[in-house]
Amino acid sequence: MNFYWGKVLNFVALLSLVSVCLSNTVAKEIVLENRAGIKCMVQQTKEGYSLGKMMVNGKYVESPLVKGMMFLLNTTDDSEHWLFAAEGKKISSLEAVFSGRGGIN
């Protein structure tokens, strides 16, 4: 009996994880790439554009940066405030322009 409930709880936990992942689904990606093998995939989610993923020679450098496009650091309490870009436009394979605004608490 305990084995069965353990499987049910694992399944519920998995569904919760899938739900969280789908809520942050990438709607659009702007890919910037140079000839040296550096590739940046800027991601657009429902909050706006974030820095996304970075690859060097086909290997991911770090976990995707999905908190926003840039952040401000409050030096009083070391808290970070991330800002998303509301709009993004790819100019070329090496260049894109992002813009937007937001409030800071």
N, C-alpha and C. Protein backbone atom coordinates (compact mmCIF):
# COMPACT_ATOMS: atom_id res chain seq x y z
N MET A 1 0.83 -1.20 0.00
CA MET A 1 0.00 0.00 0.00
C MET A 1 0.87 1.26 0.00
N ASN A 2 1.93 1.30 0.80
CA ASN A 2 2.81 2.47 0.84
C ASN A 2 3.50 2.68 -0.50
N PHE A 3 3.85 1.59 -1.17
CA PHE A 3 4.49 1.69 -2.48
C PHE A 3 3.59 2.41 -3.48
N TYR A 4 2.30 2.04 -3.47
CA TYR A 4 1.33 2.66 -4.39
C TYR A 4 1.22 4.16 -4.13
N TRP A 5 1.08 4.58 -2.89
CA TRP A 5 0.95 6.01 -2.58
C TRP A 5 2.23 6.77 -2.90
N GLY A 6 3.36 6.10 -2.73
CA GLY A 6 4.62 6.74 -3.10
C GLY A 6 4.66 7.03 -4.59
N LYS A 7 4.18 6.09 -5.41
CA LYS A 7 4.14 6.29 -6.86
C LYS A 7 3.17 7.42 -7.22
N VAL A 8 2.02 7.47 -6.55
CA VAL A 8 1.04 8.52 -6.81
C VAL A 8 1.62 9.89 -6.46
N LEU A 9 2.29 9.99 -5.32
CA LEU A 9 2.89 11.27 -4.90
C LEU A 9 4.00 11.69 -5.86
N ASN A 10 4.80 10.72 -6.33
CA ASN A 10 5.83 11.03 -7.32
C ASN A 10 5.21 11.55 -8.62
N PHE A 11 4.09 10.95 -9.03
CA PHE A 11 3.42 11.37 -10.25
C PHE A 11 2.86 12.80 -10.09
N VAL A 12 2.27 13.09 -8.93
CA VAL A 12 1.74 14.43 -8.67
C VAL A 12 2.87 15.45 -8.66
N ALA A 13 4.00 15.11 -8.06
CA ALA A 13 5.16 16.02 -8.03
C ALA A 13 5.66 16.27 -9.46
N LEU A 14 5.69 15.23 -10.28
CA LEU A 14 6.12 15.38 -11.67
C LEU A 14 5.18 16.29 -12.45
N LEU A 15 3.87 16.12 -12.25
CA LEU A 15 2.90 16.98 -12.93
C LEU A 15 3.06 18.44 -12.50
N SER A 16 3.35 18.66 -11.22
CA SER A 16 3.57 20.03 -10.74
C SER A 16 4.80 20.64 -11.40
N LEU A 17 5.86 19.87 -11.53
CA LEU A 17 7.08 20.34 -12.16
C LEU A 17 6.84 20.67 -13.64
N VAL A 18 6.12 19.81 -14.34
CA VAL A 18 5.80 20.06 -15.74
C VAL A 18 4.96 21.32 -15.87
N SER A 19 4.02 21.53 -14.96
CA SER A 19 3.18 22.72 -14.99
C SER A 19 4.00 23.99 -14.82
N VAL A 20 4.96 23.97 -13.89
CA VAL A 20 5.83 25.13 -13.68
C VAL A 20 6.68 25.38 -14.92
N CYS A 21 7.22 24.34 -15.51
CA CYS A 21 8.05 24.49 -16.71
C CYS A 21 7.24 25.05 -17.86
N LEU A 22 6.02 24.59 -18.04
CA LEU A 22 5.19 25.07 -19.15
C LEU A 22 4.75 26.51 -18.95
N SER A 23 4.63 26.97 -17.70
CA SER A 23 4.22 28.35 -17.46
C SER A 23 5.30 29.32 -17.89
N ASN A 24 6.56 28.88 -17.95
CA ASN A 24 7.66 29.73 -18.40
C ASN A 24 8.12 29.35 -19.81
N THR A 25 7.22 28.78 -20.59
CA THR A 25 7.57 28.32 -21.92
C THR A 25 8.08 29.48 -22.77
N VAL A 26 9.11 29.20 -23.52
CA VAL A 26 9.69 30.20 -24.40
C VAL A 26 8.78 30.38 -25.61
N ALA A 27 8.30 31.61 -25.81
CA ALA A 27 7.43 31.90 -26.95
C ALA A 27 8.25 32.19 -28.20
N LYS A 28 9.39 32.82 -28.03
CA LYS A 28 10.21 33.25 -29.16
C LYS A 28 11.66 33.30 -28.71
N GLU A 29 12.54 33.06 -29.64
CA GLU A 29 13.96 33.12 -29.35
C GLU A 29 14.64 33.95 -30.43
N ILE A 30 15.51 34.85 -30.01
CA ILE A 30 16.34 35.60 -30.95
C ILE A 30 17.75 35.03 -30.81
N VAL A 31 18.26 34.47 -31.89
CA VAL A 31 19.57 33.81 -31.85
C VAL A 31 20.61 34.73 -32.49
N LEU A 32 21.66 35.02 -31.73
CA LEU A 32 22.79 35.79 -32.21
C LEU A 32 24.00 34.88 -32.21
N GLU A 33 24.79 34.93 -33.29
CA GLU A 33 25.90 33.99 -33.43
C GLU A 33 27.03 34.63 -34.22
N ASN A 34 28.27 34.35 -33.77
CA ASN A 34 29.42 34.86 -34.53
C ASN A 34 30.23 33.69 -35.10
N ARG A 35 31.23 33.99 -35.89
CA ARG A 35 32.05 32.95 -36.54
C ARG A 35 33.02 32.28 -35.58
N ALA A 36 33.21 32.86 -34.39
CA ALA A 36 34.12 32.27 -33.41
C ALA A 36 33.47 31.13 -32.61
N GLY A 37 32.18 30.86 -32.86
CA GLY A 37 31.51 29.76 -32.17
C GLY A 37 30.73 30.18 -30.95
N ILE A 38 30.50 31.47 -30.76
CA ILE A 38 29.71 31.94 -29.63
C ILE A 38 28.29 32.19 -30.11
N LYS A 39 27.34 31.60 -29.39
CA LYS A 39 25.93 31.70 -29.76
C LYS A 39 25.13 32.11 -28.53
N CYS A 40 24.29 33.12 -28.69
CA CYS A 40 23.44 33.60 -27.60
C CYS A 40 22.00 33.47 -28.05
N MET A 41 21.19 32.79 -27.25
CA MET A 41 19.78 32.61 -27.56
C MET A 41 18.95 33.40 -26.55
N VAL A 42 18.57 34.61 -26.93
CA VAL A 42 17.77 35.48 -26.07
C VAL A 42 16.34 34.97 -26.11
N GLN A 43 15.76 34.74 -24.93
CA GLN A 43 14.45 34.10 -24.86
C GLN A 43 13.36 35.08 -24.49
N GLN A 44 12.20 34.92 -25.12
CA GLN A 44 11.04 35.71 -24.76
C GLN A 44 10.05 34.80 -24.05
N THR A 45 9.66 35.20 -22.83
CA THR A 45 8.63 34.49 -22.08
C THR A 45 7.46 35.44 -21.90
N LYS A 46 6.49 35.05 -21.11
CA LYS A 46 5.33 35.92 -20.90
C LYS A 46 5.71 37.21 -20.17
N GLU A 47 6.82 37.22 -19.42
CA GLU A 47 7.26 38.42 -18.72
C GLU A 47 8.01 39.38 -19.64
N GLY A 48 8.60 38.88 -20.70
CA GLY A 48 9.39 39.67 -21.62
C GLY A 48 10.66 38.93 -22.02
N TYR A 49 11.61 39.64 -22.62
CA TYR A 49 12.86 39.03 -23.06
C TYR A 49 13.85 38.92 -21.90
N SER A 50 14.55 37.80 -21.82
CA SER A 50 15.62 37.60 -20.84
C SER A 50 16.88 37.17 -21.58
N LEU A 51 18.00 37.20 -20.88
CA LEU A 51 19.29 36.89 -21.52
C LEU A 51 19.33 35.51 -22.15
N GLY A 52 18.68 34.54 -21.55
CA GLY A 52 18.57 33.22 -22.17
C GLY A 52 19.80 32.35 -22.03
N LYS A 53 20.14 31.66 -23.12
CA LYS A 53 21.21 30.65 -23.09
C LYS A 53 22.41 31.13 -23.89
N MET A 54 23.59 30.69 -23.45
CA MET A 54 24.83 31.02 -24.14
C MET A 54 25.58 29.73 -24.41
N MET A 55 26.08 29.61 -25.65
CA MET A 55 26.86 28.44 -26.04
C MET A 55 28.19 28.88 -26.61
N VAL A 56 29.23 28.10 -26.34
CA VAL A 56 30.53 28.29 -26.95
C VAL A 56 30.92 26.96 -27.58
N ASN A 57 31.14 26.99 -28.89
CA ASN A 57 31.49 25.78 -29.66
C ASN A 57 30.51 24.64 -29.41
N GLY A 58 29.21 24.96 -29.35
CA GLY A 58 28.17 23.94 -29.22
C GLY A 58 27.92 23.44 -27.82
N LYS A 59 28.58 24.01 -26.81
CA LYS A 59 28.38 23.57 -25.43
C LYS A 59 27.85 24.73 -24.59
N TYR A 60 26.82 24.44 -23.78
CA TYR A 60 26.26 25.48 -22.93
C TYR A 60 27.27 25.93 -21.89
N VAL A 61 27.36 27.23 -21.70
CA VAL A 61 28.32 27.81 -20.77
C VAL A 61 27.80 27.76 -19.34
N GLU A 62 26.53 28.06 -19.16
CA GLU A 62 25.93 28.18 -17.82
C GLU A 62 24.46 27.85 -17.95
N SER A 63 23.77 27.78 -16.83
CA SER A 63 22.32 27.61 -16.86
C SER A 63 21.71 28.84 -17.52
N PRO A 64 20.56 28.68 -18.20
CA PRO A 64 19.93 29.84 -18.85
C PRO A 64 19.61 30.95 -17.84
N LEU A 65 19.86 32.18 -18.25
CA LEU A 65 19.54 33.33 -17.42
C LEU A 65 18.14 33.79 -17.79
N VAL A 66 17.16 33.44 -16.98
CA VAL A 66 15.76 33.69 -17.31
C VAL A 66 15.11 34.72 -16.39
N LYS A 67 15.89 35.36 -15.53
CA LYS A 67 15.33 36.34 -14.59
C LYS A 67 15.08 37.68 -15.25
N GLY A 68 15.70 37.96 -16.38
CA GLY A 68 15.51 39.23 -17.07
C GLY A 68 16.67 39.54 -17.99
N MET A 69 16.66 40.76 -18.51
CA MET A 69 17.68 41.20 -19.45
C MET A 69 18.85 41.88 -18.71
N MET A 70 18.54 42.60 -17.66
CA MET A 70 19.58 43.26 -16.86
C MET A 70 19.09 43.37 -15.43
N PHE A 71 20.03 43.61 -14.50
CA PHE A 71 19.59 43.78 -13.11
C PHE A 71 20.29 44.96 -12.47
N LEU A 72 19.62 45.47 -11.47
CA LEU A 72 20.18 46.54 -10.64
C LEU A 72 20.41 45.97 -9.26
N LEU A 73 21.52 46.32 -8.67
CA LEU A 73 21.88 45.82 -7.34
C LEU A 73 21.72 46.93 -6.32
N ASN A 74 20.92 46.66 -5.30
CA ASN A 74 20.77 47.58 -4.18
C ASN A 74 21.94 47.33 -3.24
N THR A 75 22.87 48.26 -3.16
CA THR A 75 24.08 48.06 -2.35
C THR A 75 23.81 48.15 -0.85
N THR A 76 22.64 48.64 -0.47
CA THR A 76 22.31 48.71 0.96
C THR A 76 22.03 47.33 1.53
N ASP A 77 21.21 46.55 0.80
CA ASP A 77 20.86 45.21 1.31
C ASP A 77 21.24 44.08 0.35
N ASP A 78 22.00 44.39 -0.71
CA ASP A 78 22.47 43.41 -1.70
C ASP A 78 21.33 42.69 -2.42
N SER A 79 20.17 43.31 -2.53
CA SER A 79 19.07 42.69 -3.27
C SER A 79 19.19 43.05 -4.75
N GLU A 80 18.79 42.11 -5.60
CA GLU A 80 18.82 42.30 -7.04
C GLU A 80 17.42 42.60 -7.55
N HIS A 81 17.32 43.50 -8.51
CA HIS A 81 16.05 43.77 -9.17
C HIS A 81 16.26 43.58 -10.67
N TRP A 82 15.65 42.52 -11.22
CA TRP A 82 15.82 42.19 -12.63
C TRP A 82 14.77 42.89 -13.47
N LEU A 83 15.15 43.32 -14.66
CA LEU A 83 14.25 43.96 -15.61
C LEU A 83 14.21 43.16 -16.91
N PHE A 84 13.02 42.94 -17.42
CA PHE A 84 12.83 42.28 -18.71
C PHE A 84 12.74 43.34 -19.80
N ALA A 85 13.11 42.97 -21.00
CA ALA A 85 12.90 43.84 -22.15
C ALA A 85 11.52 43.52 -22.72
N ALA A 86 10.74 44.54 -23.02
CA ALA A 86 9.39 44.34 -23.55
C ALA A 86 9.41 44.05 -25.04
N GLU A 87 10.37 44.62 -25.75
CA GLU A 87 10.44 44.46 -27.20
C GLU A 87 11.85 44.06 -27.61
N GLY A 88 11.94 43.27 -28.65
CA GLY A 88 13.22 42.86 -29.19
C GLY A 88 13.17 42.76 -30.69
N LYS A 89 14.24 43.19 -31.35
CA LYS A 89 14.30 43.13 -32.81
C LYS A 89 15.70 42.71 -33.23
N LYS A 90 15.77 41.67 -34.03
CA LYS A 90 17.05 41.20 -34.54
C LYS A 90 17.44 42.05 -35.74
N ILE A 91 18.64 42.63 -35.67
CA ILE A 91 19.15 43.48 -36.75
C ILE A 91 19.97 42.64 -37.74
N SER A 92 20.83 41.81 -37.20
CA SER A 92 21.67 40.92 -38.01
C SER A 92 22.00 39.70 -37.15
N SER A 93 22.85 38.82 -37.68
CA SER A 93 23.22 37.63 -36.89
C SER A 93 24.08 37.99 -35.69
N LEU A 94 24.62 39.23 -35.67
CA LEU A 94 25.48 39.67 -34.56
C LEU A 94 24.83 40.73 -33.68
N GLU A 95 23.70 41.27 -34.08
CA GLU A 95 23.16 42.44 -33.38
C GLU A 95 21.64 42.37 -33.23
N ALA A 96 21.17 42.78 -32.05
CA ALA A 96 19.75 42.91 -31.78
C ALA A 96 19.54 44.12 -30.88
N VAL A 97 18.35 44.70 -30.93
CA VAL A 97 18.01 45.85 -30.11
C VAL A 97 16.86 45.47 -29.21
N PHE A 98 16.98 45.75 -27.91
CA PHE A 98 15.95 45.46 -26.95
C PHE A 98 15.57 46.73 -26.21
N SER A 99 14.29 46.86 -25.87
CA SER A 99 13.83 48.04 -25.16
C SER A 99 12.68 47.67 -24.23
N GLY A 100 12.39 48.58 -23.33
CA GLY A 100 11.30 48.38 -22.40
C GLY A 100 11.51 49.25 -21.18
N ARG A 101 10.56 49.19 -20.27
CA ARG A 101 10.70 49.94 -19.02
C ARG A 101 9.90 49.23 -17.94
N GLY A 102 10.25 49.51 -16.72
CA GLY A 102 9.56 48.90 -15.60
C GLY A 102 9.84 49.66 -14.33
N GLY A 103 9.00 49.46 -13.36
CA GLY A 103 9.17 50.12 -12.07
C GLY A 103 10.13 49.38 -11.17
N ILE A 104 10.72 50.11 -10.27
CA ILE A 104 11.64 49.54 -9.30
C ILE A 104 11.13 49.86 -7.91
N ASN A 105 10.99 48.85 -7.10
CA ASN A 105 10.50 49.05 -5.73
C ASN A 105 11.61 49.48 -4.80
